[in-house]
């Protein structure tokens, strides 16, 4: 749960005006569902980077040409947690040479690679390191409005899940700060053997249509699970799973709700599907 200092920061920052309306719309649909299917388990699905966290937990955040915080890729490399890259020199090799080269080929290659650079390292060691960074840095950069919606839905009985295209060892390290079990987090994973990371990527990778498949898998894993809401910030990475949520028939004539945060102008194929809002305030302000 959120500590006293973080809770005070949250209260001081305050959510933006759209929060109450978003929560009311989602819960109105939950009420319709429960009226005809009392055993339904309402579920909401969230992207993480740019949706809950301002910035990117893998890449960090820059504003006005200044780094606000480093991403966990930089932090873990400089801390000696990758056998592939080491220290400042290794970080620059990754940032300036290897990753751009793979990203130019395709995200399908580059994004899973972010989880593959820890081959042979104890998974728990990476998670412990990342959890400490979440507590000291990243949770201060959560959007106040996203957290207000998240907490209101949880309080009302809606289960929140994260589906992210960052490495899972990073994102599941945020579970404590979000007040949920790490089992509620799906992100880019590699197989773990004997407690140690491998390079074997677990499919489907939660990017684009792969996020849709991960949402379906989570729904199937939860008896009577119903997708009532989705939250994202990018038409390219989140548009597919948000469209899936709003297009599924729900009990009681309810309709899935989707919120696009800071996504800008609607992209072709998504016109009128999502509610769009801008968010700027973070809990640490």
Protein backbone atom coordinates (compact mmCIF):
# COMPACT_ATOMS: atom_id res chain seq x y z
CA UNK A 1 0.00 0.00 0.00
CA UNK A 2 1.02 3.61 -0.47
CA UNK A 3 3.22 4.96 2.35
CA UNK A 4 2.41 8.08 4.38
CA UNK A 5 4.78 10.35 2.47
CA UNK A 6 3.59 9.11 -0.93
CA UNK A 7 -0.05 9.43 0.14
CA UNK A 8 0.58 13.02 1.22
CA UNK A 9 2.18 13.78 -2.12
CA UNK A 10 -0.78 12.19 -3.89
CA UNK A 11 -3.23 14.32 -1.94
CA UNK A 12 -1.21 17.47 -2.58
CA UNK A 13 -1.00 16.85 -6.33
CA UNK A 14 -4.67 16.07 -6.81
CA UNK A 15 -6.29 14.47 -9.85
CA UNK A 16 -7.57 16.33 -12.91
CA UNK A 17 -11.21 17.13 -13.67
CA UNK A 18 -11.98 14.11 -15.85
CA UNK A 19 -11.43 11.53 -13.10
CA UNK A 20 -14.90 11.53 -11.55
CA UNK A 21 -16.61 11.20 -14.93
CA UNK A 22 -14.39 8.30 -15.99
CA UNK A 23 -14.98 6.42 -12.75
CA UNK A 24 -18.74 7.07 -12.88
CA UNK A 25 -19.00 5.79 -16.45
CA UNK A 26 -17.09 2.59 -15.72
CA UNK A 27 -19.02 1.86 -12.53
CA UNK A 28 -22.37 2.53 -14.24
CA UNK A 29 -21.53 -0.25 -16.67
CA UNK A 30 -20.40 -2.50 -13.83
CA UNK A 31 -23.81 -1.97 -12.20
CA UNK A 32 -25.58 -3.00 -15.43
CA UNK A 33 -23.47 -6.16 -15.63
CA UNK A 34 -23.97 -7.07 -11.98
CA UNK A 35 -27.74 -6.60 -12.29
CA UNK A 36 -27.97 -9.55 -14.69
CA UNK A 37 -24.81 -11.45 -13.74
CA UNK A 38 -24.11 -11.01 -10.00
CA UNK A 39 -21.10 -13.36 -10.07
CA UNK A 40 -19.30 -11.35 -12.77
CA UNK A 41 -15.74 -10.25 -11.92
CA UNK A 42 -15.15 -6.85 -13.53
CA UNK A 43 -11.59 -6.32 -14.77
CA UNK A 44 -9.77 -3.21 -16.05
CA UNK A 45 -6.62 -3.38 -18.16
CA UNK A 46 -3.89 -0.74 -18.15
CA UNK A 47 -0.85 0.00 -20.20
CA UNK A 48 1.95 1.22 -17.93
CA UNK A 49 4.45 3.53 -19.68
CA UNK A 50 2.84 6.88 -20.45
CA UNK A 51 -0.46 5.69 -18.96
CA UNK A 52 0.30 5.14 -15.28
CA UNK A 53 3.91 6.34 -15.33
CA UNK A 54 4.78 9.65 -16.92
CA UNK A 55 7.66 8.59 -19.14
CA UNK A 56 8.98 5.08 -19.69
CA UNK A 57 10.25 2.68 -17.05
CA UNK A 58 12.67 1.16 -19.57
CA UNK A 59 13.91 4.32 -21.28
CA UNK A 60 13.34 7.02 -18.66
CA UNK A 61 11.95 10.51 -19.15
CA UNK A 62 13.36 13.61 -20.82
CA UNK A 63 11.66 16.99 -20.87
CA UNK A 64 13.01 20.15 -22.49
CA UNK A 65 16.27 18.37 -23.26
CA UNK A 66 16.86 17.36 -19.63
CA UNK A 67 16.67 13.90 -18.13
CA UNK A 68 14.08 13.79 -15.37
CA UNK A 69 14.86 10.18 -14.52
CA UNK A 70 16.85 7.33 -16.01
CA UNK A 71 15.11 4.18 -17.16
CA UNK A 72 15.71 0.79 -15.60
CA UNK A 73 17.72 -0.38 -18.59
CA UNK A 74 20.33 2.28 -17.86
CA UNK A 75 20.11 1.76 -14.11
CA UNK A 76 20.52 -2.03 -14.24
CA UNK A 77 23.36 -1.92 -16.76
CA UNK A 78 25.30 0.61 -14.72
CA UNK A 79 24.64 -1.46 -11.58
CA UNK A 80 26.26 -4.50 -13.20
CA UNK A 81 23.10 -6.61 -13.52
CA UNK A 82 23.55 -7.44 -17.20
CA UNK A 83 26.23 -9.90 -18.36
CA UNK A 84 25.97 -8.43 -21.88
CA UNK A 85 26.64 -4.78 -21.02
CA UNK A 86 28.68 -3.36 -18.17
CA UNK A 87 28.98 0.12 -16.68
CA UNK A 88 28.92 3.40 -18.56
CA UNK A 89 30.67 1.97 -21.60
CA UNK A 90 28.19 -0.89 -21.84
CA UNK A 91 25.26 1.48 -21.46
CA UNK A 92 26.49 3.65 -24.33
CA UNK A 93 27.02 0.58 -26.51
CA UNK A 94 23.43 -0.48 -25.88
CA UNK A 95 21.92 3.01 -26.19
CA UNK A 96 23.85 4.35 -29.16
CA UNK A 97 24.67 1.25 -31.22
CA UNK A 98 22.92 -2.03 -30.51
CA UNK A 99 19.40 -0.99 -29.59
CA UNK A 100 18.99 1.58 -32.40
CA UNK A 101 20.19 -1.00 -34.90
CA UNK A 102 17.63 -3.57 -33.73
CA UNK A 103 14.85 -1.00 -33.44
CA UNK A 104 15.46 -0.01 -37.05
CA UNK A 105 14.74 -3.62 -38.01
CA UNK A 106 11.60 -3.72 -35.91
CA UNK A 107 10.12 -3.42 -32.44
CA UNK A 108 9.40 -7.15 -32.57
CA UNK A 109 13.18 -7.65 -32.30
CA UNK A 110 14.23 -4.70 -30.13
CA UNK A 111 11.61 -4.77 -27.38
CA UNK A 112 12.03 -8.45 -26.38
CA UNK A 113 15.79 -7.90 -26.42
CA UNK A 114 15.36 -5.59 -23.44
CA UNK A 115 14.38 -8.65 -21.39
CA UNK A 116 17.07 -10.88 -22.90
CA UNK A 117 20.13 -8.93 -21.75
CA UNK A 118 19.97 -10.53 -18.29
CA UNK A 119 20.64 -14.12 -19.33
CA UNK A 120 21.95 -16.13 -16.36
CA UNK A 121 21.16 -13.46 -13.77
CA UNK A 122 18.96 -14.36 -10.81
CA UNK A 123 15.50 -12.98 -11.51
CA UNK A 124 14.92 -12.06 -7.88
CA UNK A 125 18.09 -9.95 -7.80
CA UNK A 126 16.81 -7.84 -10.68
CA UNK A 127 13.36 -7.52 -9.14
CA UNK A 128 14.79 -6.44 -5.76
CA UNK A 129 16.90 -3.78 -7.47
CA UNK A 130 13.93 -2.55 -9.51
CA UNK A 131 11.58 -2.49 -6.50
CA UNK A 132 13.99 -0.19 -4.67
CA UNK A 133 14.10 2.15 -7.70
CA UNK A 134 10.31 2.17 -7.93
CA UNK A 135 10.06 3.26 -4.31
CA UNK A 136 12.76 5.92 -4.53
CA UNK A 137 12.07 7.28 -8.03
CA UNK A 138 9.34 6.00 -10.30
CA UNK A 139 6.26 6.03 -8.09
CA UNK A 140 6.71 9.80 -7.70
CA UNK A 141 6.11 10.05 -11.46
CA UNK A 142 2.78 8.21 -11.55
CA UNK A 143 0.00 10.33 -13.01
CA UNK A 144 -2.21 11.56 -10.17
CA UNK A 145 -5.35 11.08 -12.27
CA UNK A 146 -4.45 7.54 -13.31
CA UNK A 147 -3.85 6.62 -9.68
CA UNK A 148 -7.13 8.21 -8.62
CA UNK A 149 -9.03 6.17 -11.22
CA UNK A 150 -7.08 3.01 -10.36
CA UNK A 151 -7.78 3.30 -6.65
CA UNK A 152 -11.46 4.19 -7.12
CA UNK A 153 -12.02 1.16 -9.36
CA UNK A 154 -10.23 -1.16 -6.94
CA UNK A 155 -12.30 0.18 -4.05
CA UNK A 156 -15.47 -0.52 -6.05
CA UNK A 157 -14.43 -4.11 -6.72
CA UNK A 158 -12.96 -3.75 -10.20
CA UNK A 159 -9.70 -5.68 -10.51
CA UNK A 160 -6.92 -3.71 -12.21
CA UNK A 161 -4.34 -5.46 -14.41
CA UNK A 162 -1.27 -4.11 -16.20
CA UNK A 163 -0.35 -5.23 -19.72
CA UNK A 164 2.92 -3.64 -20.79
CA UNK A 165 5.58 -3.89 -23.50
CA UNK A 166 8.39 -3.22 -21.03
CA UNK A 167 10.31 -6.13 -19.45
CA UNK A 168 8.20 -7.92 -16.88
CA UNK A 169 11.01 -7.84 -14.29
CA UNK A 170 10.64 -4.06 -14.41
CA UNK A 171 6.87 -3.73 -14.42
CA UNK A 172 6.03 -6.38 -11.83
CA UNK A 173 8.36 -4.46 -9.51
CA UNK A 174 5.68 -1.74 -9.44
CA UNK A 175 2.98 -4.07 -8.08
CA UNK A 176 3.54 -3.13 -4.44
CA UNK A 177 3.30 0.58 -5.23
CA UNK A 178 0.04 -0.09 -7.09
CA UNK A 179 -1.34 -2.17 -4.24
CA UNK A 180 -1.83 -5.38 -6.24
CA UNK A 181 -0.23 -8.79 -6.59
CA UNK A 182 2.57 -9.19 -9.18
CA UNK A 183 0.28 -11.80 -10.78
CA UNK A 184 -1.81 -8.88 -12.04
CA UNK A 185 1.10 -7.76 -14.27
CA UNK A 186 1.79 -9.02 -17.78
CA UNK A 187 4.75 -7.65 -19.70
CA UNK A 188 7.56 -8.91 -21.94
CA UNK A 189 8.88 -12.05 -20.28
CA UNK A 190 11.60 -14.57 -20.81
CA UNK A 191 11.55 -18.06 -19.38
CA UNK A 192 13.18 -18.43 -15.96
CA UNK A 193 15.11 -21.64 -15.29
CA UNK A 194 16.42 -22.43 -11.84
CA UNK A 195 15.52 -18.90 -10.77
CA UNK A 196 17.70 -17.37 -13.50
CA UNK A 197 16.77 -15.40 -16.60
CA UNK A 198 17.12 -16.94 -20.07
CA UNK A 199 16.79 -15.51 -23.59
CA UNK A 200 13.69 -17.58 -24.40
CA UNK A 201 10.90 -15.09 -25.00
CA UNK A 202 7.42 -16.03 -23.76
CA UNK A 203 4.71 -15.52 -26.37
CA UNK A 204 2.41 -13.80 -27.09
CA UNK A 205 4.54 -10.68 -26.62
CA UNK A 206 2.31 -7.91 -25.20
CA UNK A 207 2.72 -5.40 -28.01
CA UNK A 208 -0.03 -4.41 -30.46
CA UNK A 209 -2.21 -7.47 -31.19
CA UNK A 210 -0.14 -9.36 -28.62
CA UNK A 211 -1.71 -7.16 -25.94
CA UNK A 212 -5.12 -8.35 -27.11
CA UNK A 213 -4.01 -11.96 -26.67
CA UNK A 214 -2.69 -11.24 -23.19
CA UNK A 215 -5.98 -9.58 -22.20
CA UNK A 216 -7.86 -12.63 -23.47
CA UNK A 217 -5.60 -14.95 -21.50
CA UNK A 218 -6.11 -12.94 -18.31
CA UNK A 219 -9.88 -12.99 -18.83
CA UNK A 220 -9.84 -16.75 -19.29
CA UNK A 221 -7.74 -17.17 -16.15
CA UNK A 222 -10.34 -15.39 -14.01
CA UNK A 223 -13.65 -17.24 -13.51
CA UNK A 224 -16.51 -14.98 -14.67
CA UNK A 225 -14.02 -12.28 -15.70
CA UNK A 226 -15.44 -9.38 -17.72
CA UNK A 227 -13.37 -6.64 -19.33
CA UNK A 228 -15.10 -3.41 -18.38
CA UNK A 229 -12.36 -0.85 -19.07
CA UNK A 230 -9.02 -0.24 -20.73
CA UNK A 231 -6.47 2.55 -20.41
CA UNK A 232 -3.62 3.40 -22.79
CA UNK A 233 -1.63 6.23 -24.31
CA UNK A 234 -0.66 5.08 -27.81
CA UNK A 235 -2.73 4.10 -30.83
CA UNK A 236 0.10 1.91 -32.16
CA UNK A 237 0.84 -0.05 -28.98
CA UNK A 238 -2.49 0.17 -27.14
CA UNK A 239 -5.10 0.83 -29.82
CA UNK A 240 -5.71 -2.86 -30.57
CA UNK A 241 -6.44 -3.93 -26.99
CA UNK A 242 -8.55 -0.85 -26.28
CA UNK A 243 -10.60 -1.51 -29.41
CA UNK A 244 -11.04 -5.12 -28.32
CA UNK A 245 -12.41 -4.01 -24.95
CA UNK A 246 -14.96 -1.58 -26.39
CA UNK A 247 -16.09 -4.05 -29.07
CA UNK A 248 -16.95 -7.02 -26.85
CA UNK A 249 -20.63 -7.58 -25.99
CA UNK A 250 -21.19 -7.39 -22.24
CA UNK A 251 -24.07 -8.57 -20.03
CA UNK A 252 -26.93 -6.19 -19.31
CA UNK A 253 -26.37 -4.05 -22.38
CA UNK A 254 -23.19 -2.59 -20.88
CA UNK A 255 -20.39 -1.33 -23.09
CA UNK A 256 -16.67 -1.57 -22.46
CA UNK A 257 -14.98 1.76 -21.75
CA UNK A 258 -11.59 2.86 -23.08
CA UNK A 259 -9.54 5.93 -22.20
CA UNK A 260 -6.72 7.25 -24.39
CA UNK A 261 -4.38 9.37 -22.27
CA UNK A 262 -2.21 12.01 -23.97
CA UNK A 263 -2.62 10.10 -27.24
CA UNK A 264 -3.27 13.15 -29.38
CA UNK A 265 -5.44 13.21 -32.49
CA UNK A 266 -7.40 10.06 -33.33
CA UNK A 267 -5.71 7.75 -35.80
CA UNK A 268 -7.55 6.25 -38.78
CA UNK A 269 -9.54 3.21 -37.74
CA UNK A 270 -10.06 4.43 -34.18
CA UNK A 271 -12.45 7.33 -34.75
CA UNK A 272 -14.98 7.72 -31.96
CA UNK A 273 -13.98 4.55 -30.11
CA UNK A 274 -12.18 5.99 -27.09
CA UNK A 275 -12.61 8.83 -24.69
CA UNK A 276 -9.53 11.06 -24.93
CA UNK A 277 -7.97 13.13 -22.15
CA UNK A 278 -4.76 14.95 -21.38
CA UNK A 279 -2.92 14.41 -18.10
CA UNK A 280 0.13 16.19 -16.69
CA UNK A 281 0.04 16.18 -12.89
CA UNK A 282 2.13 13.51 -11.17
CA UNK A 283 1.83 12.38 -7.57
CA UNK A 284 5.22 13.78 -6.60
CA UNK A 285 4.37 17.37 -7.51
